[in-house]
Amino acid sequence: MIISSNQIQHVLQVYGAKRLEKGSGMAETSRVKGSGQDTVNVSEEARLLQAAMKAVREAPEEREQIVNTLGQAVRSGTYSVTGDQIAEKLLGRDLVDRLGSE
C-alpha cells in the first residue's frame, strides 16, 4: 500500500474539521452523581485514531533492512532500474495522489 504525503494531509484536514465541528470530540469527562467517581466517554474518532496508531506501532520494521540492502547494492554498483520501472512508479504515485485528494 502506498501512502502519500497528500493523503496524510487530507486525513489531517478532514479529522481537524470534524474535531472543530464536534468541539474537541476526543473524550468527554463527567462525574457520576453520588458515586464520587469520574467517567470518560471516548468518541468513535478517538477509537479509530487509537487503532490506527496501534497498527503503526506494531508494523514490522522491515524498511530499515530493505534500505540497507538497496544501499549496499548501490554502493557495489549492482543496483539497476529500467526506465519502465521508473515510469511505473511515477505514474502510480501520481494516481495515488490524485485519488487521495478527491
N, C-alpha and C. Protein backbone atom coordinates (compact mmCIF):
# COMPACT_ATOMS: atom_id res chain seq x y z
N MET A 1 0.85 -1.18 0.00
CA MET A 1 0.00 0.00 0.00
C MET A 1 0.88 1.23 0.00
N ILE A 2 0.58 2.17 -0.87
CA ILE A 2 1.34 3.41 -0.95
C ILE A 2 0.54 4.50 -0.24
N ILE A 3 1.18 5.16 0.69
CA ILE A 3 0.56 6.28 1.38
C ILE A 3 1.40 7.51 1.07
N SER A 4 0.76 8.49 0.42
CA SER A 4 1.49 9.68 0.04
C SER A 4 1.29 10.79 1.06
N SER A 5 2.14 11.79 0.99
CA SER A 5 2.02 12.92 1.91
C SER A 5 0.71 13.67 1.66
N ASN A 6 0.24 13.68 0.42
CA ASN A 6 -1.05 14.33 0.13
C ASN A 6 -2.18 13.63 0.86
N GLN A 7 -2.14 12.30 0.91
CA GLN A 7 -3.18 11.57 1.61
C GLN A 7 -3.14 11.86 3.11
N ILE A 8 -1.96 11.92 3.66
CA ILE A 8 -1.82 12.20 5.09
C ILE A 8 -2.38 13.60 5.40
N GLN A 9 -2.04 14.57 4.57
CA GLN A 9 -2.54 15.93 4.78
C GLN A 9 -4.05 15.97 4.68
N HIS A 10 -4.61 15.22 3.72
CA HIS A 10 -6.06 15.18 3.55
C HIS A 10 -6.73 14.61 4.79
N VAL A 11 -6.20 13.51 5.32
CA VAL A 11 -6.76 12.89 6.52
C VAL A 11 -6.69 13.87 7.69
N LEU A 12 -5.56 14.55 7.83
CA LEU A 12 -5.42 15.51 8.93
C LEU A 12 -6.41 16.65 8.80
N GLN A 13 -6.64 17.12 7.58
CA GLN A 13 -7.60 18.21 7.37
C GLN A 13 -9.01 17.76 7.71
N VAL A 14 -9.39 16.56 7.23
CA VAL A 14 -10.73 16.05 7.50
C VAL A 14 -10.91 15.82 8.99
N TYR A 15 -9.92 15.21 9.61
CA TYR A 15 -10.01 14.93 11.04
C TYR A 15 -10.09 16.23 11.83
N GLY A 16 -9.28 17.22 11.45
CA GLY A 16 -9.30 18.51 12.13
C GLY A 16 -10.63 19.20 11.99
N ALA A 17 -11.24 19.13 10.80
CA ALA A 17 -12.54 19.76 10.56
C ALA A 17 -13.61 19.09 11.42
N LYS A 18 -13.56 17.76 11.53
CA LYS A 18 -14.55 17.05 12.35
C LYS A 18 -14.39 17.42 13.82
N ARG A 19 -13.14 17.58 14.27
CA ARG A 19 -12.91 17.95 15.67
C ARG A 19 -13.50 19.32 15.95
N LEU A 20 -13.36 20.27 15.01
CA LEU A 20 -13.90 21.61 15.20
C LEU A 20 -15.42 21.58 15.24
N GLU A 21 -16.03 20.73 14.40
CA GLU A 21 -17.49 20.63 14.35
C GLU A 21 -18.06 20.10 15.67
N LYS A 22 -17.34 19.16 16.29
CA LYS A 22 -17.85 18.49 17.47
C LYS A 22 -17.20 18.97 18.76
N GLY A 23 -16.56 20.11 18.77
CA GLY A 23 -15.77 20.51 19.92
C GLY A 23 -14.47 19.74 19.82
N SER A 24 -13.91 19.33 20.92
CA SER A 24 -12.68 18.55 20.83
C SER A 24 -12.99 17.15 20.36
N GLY A 25 -14.15 16.59 20.73
CA GLY A 25 -14.58 15.31 20.23
C GLY A 25 -13.76 14.12 20.66
N MET A 26 -12.66 14.31 21.35
CA MET A 26 -11.80 13.20 21.69
C MET A 26 -12.34 12.42 22.90
N ALA A 27 -12.67 13.10 23.95
CA ALA A 27 -13.18 12.40 25.12
C ALA A 27 -14.04 13.36 25.92
N GLU A 28 -15.01 12.79 26.58
CA GLU A 28 -15.90 13.59 27.39
C GLU A 28 -15.82 13.05 28.81
N THR A 29 -15.56 13.92 29.76
CA THR A 29 -15.44 13.50 31.15
C THR A 29 -16.64 14.03 31.92
N SER A 30 -17.20 13.18 32.74
CA SER A 30 -18.32 13.64 33.57
C SER A 30 -18.24 12.95 34.93
N ARG A 31 -18.90 13.54 35.87
CA ARG A 31 -18.91 12.96 37.22
C ARG A 31 -20.25 12.25 37.39
N VAL A 32 -20.18 11.00 37.85
CA VAL A 32 -21.38 10.23 38.12
C VAL A 32 -21.95 10.73 39.44
N LYS A 33 -23.22 11.14 39.42
CA LYS A 33 -23.85 11.72 40.62
C LYS A 33 -23.84 10.73 41.77
N GLY A 34 -23.38 11.21 42.90
CA GLY A 34 -23.44 10.43 44.12
C GLY A 34 -22.36 9.37 44.26
N SER A 35 -21.63 9.06 43.20
CA SER A 35 -20.66 7.97 43.31
C SER A 35 -19.27 8.47 43.67
N GLY A 36 -19.01 9.75 43.43
CA GLY A 36 -17.68 10.29 43.71
C GLY A 36 -16.63 9.84 42.71
N GLN A 37 -17.07 9.25 41.60
CA GLN A 37 -16.14 8.78 40.58
C GLN A 37 -16.38 9.52 39.27
N ASP A 38 -15.29 9.69 38.52
CA ASP A 38 -15.38 10.28 37.20
C ASP A 38 -15.49 9.18 36.16
N THR A 39 -16.15 9.49 35.05
CA THR A 39 -16.21 8.55 33.94
C THR A 39 -15.68 9.26 32.70
N VAL A 40 -15.20 8.48 31.75
CA VAL A 40 -14.70 9.03 30.49
C VAL A 40 -15.40 8.31 29.35
N ASN A 41 -15.96 9.07 28.45
CA ASN A 41 -16.57 8.52 27.24
C ASN A 41 -15.69 8.91 26.06
N VAL A 42 -15.11 7.93 25.39
CA VAL A 42 -14.19 8.17 24.28
C VAL A 42 -14.99 8.14 22.98
N SER A 43 -14.77 9.14 22.11
CA SER A 43 -15.51 9.22 20.86
C SER A 43 -15.06 8.13 19.88
N GLU A 44 -15.89 7.89 18.88
CA GLU A 44 -15.56 6.90 17.84
C GLU A 44 -14.31 7.33 17.08
N GLU A 45 -14.16 8.64 16.84
CA GLU A 45 -12.98 9.13 16.13
C GLU A 45 -11.71 8.83 16.92
N ALA A 46 -11.79 8.99 18.24
CA ALA A 46 -10.63 8.71 19.09
C ALA A 46 -10.30 7.24 19.06
N ARG A 47 -11.32 6.38 19.04
CA ARG A 47 -11.07 4.93 18.97
C ARG A 47 -10.39 4.56 17.66
N LEU A 48 -10.86 5.16 16.56
CA LEU A 48 -10.25 4.89 15.25
C LEU A 48 -8.80 5.37 15.21
N LEU A 49 -8.57 6.55 15.74
CA LEU A 49 -7.20 7.08 15.78
C LEU A 49 -6.31 6.19 16.64
N GLN A 50 -6.83 5.73 17.75
CA GLN A 50 -6.08 4.85 18.64
C GLN A 50 -5.73 3.54 17.93
N ALA A 51 -6.69 2.98 17.18
CA ALA A 51 -6.44 1.73 16.45
C ALA A 51 -5.41 1.93 15.35
N ALA A 52 -5.48 3.08 14.67
CA ALA A 52 -4.51 3.37 13.61
C ALA A 52 -3.10 3.53 14.19
N MET A 53 -2.99 4.22 15.30
CA MET A 53 -1.68 4.40 15.93
C MET A 53 -1.12 3.07 16.40
N LYS A 54 -1.97 2.19 16.91
CA LYS A 54 -1.52 0.86 17.36
C LYS A 54 -0.99 0.07 16.17
N ALA A 55 -1.70 0.13 15.03
CA ALA A 55 -1.27 -0.60 13.83
C ALA A 55 0.09 -0.09 13.35
N VAL A 56 0.31 1.22 13.41
CA VAL A 56 1.60 1.78 13.00
C VAL A 56 2.71 1.31 13.94
N ARG A 57 2.45 1.34 15.23
CA ARG A 57 3.47 0.90 16.19
C ARG A 57 3.80 -0.58 16.04
N GLU A 58 2.81 -1.40 15.67
CA GLU A 58 3.02 -2.84 15.56
C GLU A 58 3.51 -3.28 14.19
N ALA A 59 3.60 -2.36 13.24
CA ALA A 59 4.06 -2.71 11.89
C ALA A 59 5.51 -3.21 11.96
N PRO A 60 5.82 -4.22 11.18
CA PRO A 60 7.18 -4.76 11.22
C PRO A 60 8.20 -3.73 10.73
N GLU A 61 9.38 -3.78 11.30
CA GLU A 61 10.44 -2.85 10.96
C GLU A 61 11.30 -3.42 9.83
N GLU A 62 10.68 -3.70 8.70
CA GLU A 62 11.38 -4.26 7.55
C GLU A 62 12.04 -3.18 6.71
N ARG A 63 11.54 -1.98 6.81
CA ARG A 63 12.03 -0.90 5.94
C ARG A 63 13.53 -0.67 6.11
N GLU A 64 14.01 -0.70 7.34
CA GLU A 64 15.44 -0.47 7.58
C GLU A 64 16.28 -1.53 6.86
N GLN A 65 15.85 -2.76 6.91
CA GLN A 65 16.57 -3.84 6.23
C GLN A 65 16.55 -3.65 4.72
N ILE A 66 15.40 -3.25 4.18
CA ILE A 66 15.29 -3.01 2.74
C ILE A 66 16.21 -1.87 2.32
N VAL A 67 16.21 -0.78 3.08
CA VAL A 67 17.05 0.37 2.76
C VAL A 67 18.53 -0.03 2.81
N ASN A 68 18.92 -0.79 3.81
CA ASN A 68 20.31 -1.23 3.91
C ASN A 68 20.71 -2.10 2.73
N THR A 69 19.82 -3.02 2.33
CA THR A 69 20.09 -3.90 1.19
C THR A 69 20.24 -3.09 -0.09
N LEU A 70 19.33 -2.14 -0.31
CA LEU A 70 19.41 -1.30 -1.51
C LEU A 70 20.66 -0.42 -1.48
N GLY A 71 20.98 0.13 -0.33
CA GLY A 71 22.18 0.96 -0.20
C GLY A 71 23.44 0.19 -0.55
N GLN A 72 23.52 -1.04 -0.09
CA GLN A 72 24.67 -1.89 -0.40
C GLN A 72 24.75 -2.16 -1.90
N ALA A 73 23.60 -2.42 -2.53
CA ALA A 73 23.58 -2.67 -3.97
C ALA A 73 24.03 -1.44 -4.75
N VAL A 74 23.60 -0.25 -4.31
CA VAL A 74 24.02 0.99 -4.97
C VAL A 74 25.52 1.18 -4.82
N ARG A 75 26.02 1.00 -3.60
CA ARG A 75 27.46 1.17 -3.36
C ARG A 75 28.31 0.18 -4.16
N SER A 76 27.81 -1.04 -4.32
CA SER A 76 28.60 -2.05 -5.04
C SER A 76 28.41 -1.97 -6.56
N GLY A 77 27.46 -1.12 -7.00
CA GLY A 77 27.24 -0.96 -8.44
C GLY A 77 26.37 -2.05 -9.05
N THR A 78 25.69 -2.83 -8.23
CA THR A 78 24.85 -3.91 -8.76
C THR A 78 23.38 -3.54 -8.82
N TYR A 79 23.02 -2.35 -8.41
CA TYR A 79 21.62 -1.92 -8.43
C TYR A 79 21.30 -1.33 -9.79
N SER A 80 20.25 -1.84 -10.42
CA SER A 80 19.84 -1.27 -11.71
C SER A 80 18.33 -1.20 -11.79
N VAL A 81 17.85 -0.16 -12.41
CA VAL A 81 16.42 0.07 -12.58
C VAL A 81 16.18 0.44 -14.04
N THR A 82 15.14 -0.14 -14.63
CA THR A 82 14.83 0.18 -16.02
C THR A 82 13.98 1.45 -16.07
N GLY A 83 13.95 2.05 -17.22
CA GLY A 83 13.11 3.23 -17.42
C GLY A 83 11.64 2.91 -17.22
N ASP A 84 11.24 1.69 -17.61
CA ASP A 84 9.85 1.28 -17.42
C ASP A 84 9.49 1.21 -15.94
N GLN A 85 10.40 0.72 -15.12
CA GLN A 85 10.14 0.64 -13.68
C GLN A 85 10.00 2.04 -13.07
N ILE A 86 10.84 2.96 -13.51
CA ILE A 86 10.76 4.34 -13.01
C ILE A 86 9.44 4.97 -13.41
N ALA A 87 9.06 4.82 -14.68
CA ALA A 87 7.81 5.39 -15.18
C ALA A 87 6.61 4.80 -14.43
N GLU A 88 6.64 3.50 -14.20
CA GLU A 88 5.54 2.84 -13.49
C GLU A 88 5.37 3.42 -12.09
N LYS A 89 6.46 3.62 -11.37
CA LYS A 89 6.39 4.17 -10.01
C LYS A 89 5.91 5.62 -10.03
N LEU A 90 6.40 6.41 -11.00
CA LEU A 90 5.97 7.81 -11.09
C LEU A 90 4.47 7.90 -11.36
N LEU A 91 3.99 7.10 -12.29
CA LEU A 91 2.56 7.14 -12.63
C LEU A 91 1.72 6.60 -11.47
N GLY A 92 2.20 5.57 -10.81
CA GLY A 92 1.48 5.03 -9.66
C GLY A 92 1.36 6.04 -8.55
N ARG A 93 2.43 6.75 -8.26
CA ARG A 93 2.41 7.77 -7.21
C ARG A 93 1.46 8.90 -7.58
N ASP A 94 1.48 9.32 -8.86
CA ASP A 94 0.59 10.38 -9.31
C ASP A 94 -0.87 9.94 -9.16
N LEU A 95 -1.16 8.72 -9.50
CA LEU A 95 -2.52 8.20 -9.38
C LEU A 95 -2.96 8.18 -7.92
N VAL A 96 -2.11 7.73 -7.03
CA VAL A 96 -2.43 7.69 -5.60
C VAL A 96 -2.69 9.09 -5.08
N ASP A 97 -1.86 10.04 -5.48
CA ASP A 97 -2.05 11.43 -5.04
C ASP A 97 -3.37 12.00 -5.54
N ARG A 98 -3.71 11.70 -6.78
CA ARG A 98 -4.98 12.21 -7.33
C ARG A 98 -6.18 11.58 -6.63
N LEU A 99 -6.13 10.29 -6.38
CA LEU A 99 -7.23 9.62 -5.70
C LEU A 99 -7.34 10.09 -4.25
N GLY A 100 -6.21 10.38 -3.63
CA GLY A 100 -6.22 10.83 -2.24
C GLY A 100 -6.76 12.23 -2.06
N SER A 101 -6.72 13.04 -3.11
CA SER A 101 -7.18 14.42 -2.98
C SER A 101 -8.65 14.58 -3.32
N GLU A 102 -9.31 13.50 -3.70
CA GLU A 102 -10.74 13.59 -4.04
C GLU A 102 -11.61 13.44 -2.83
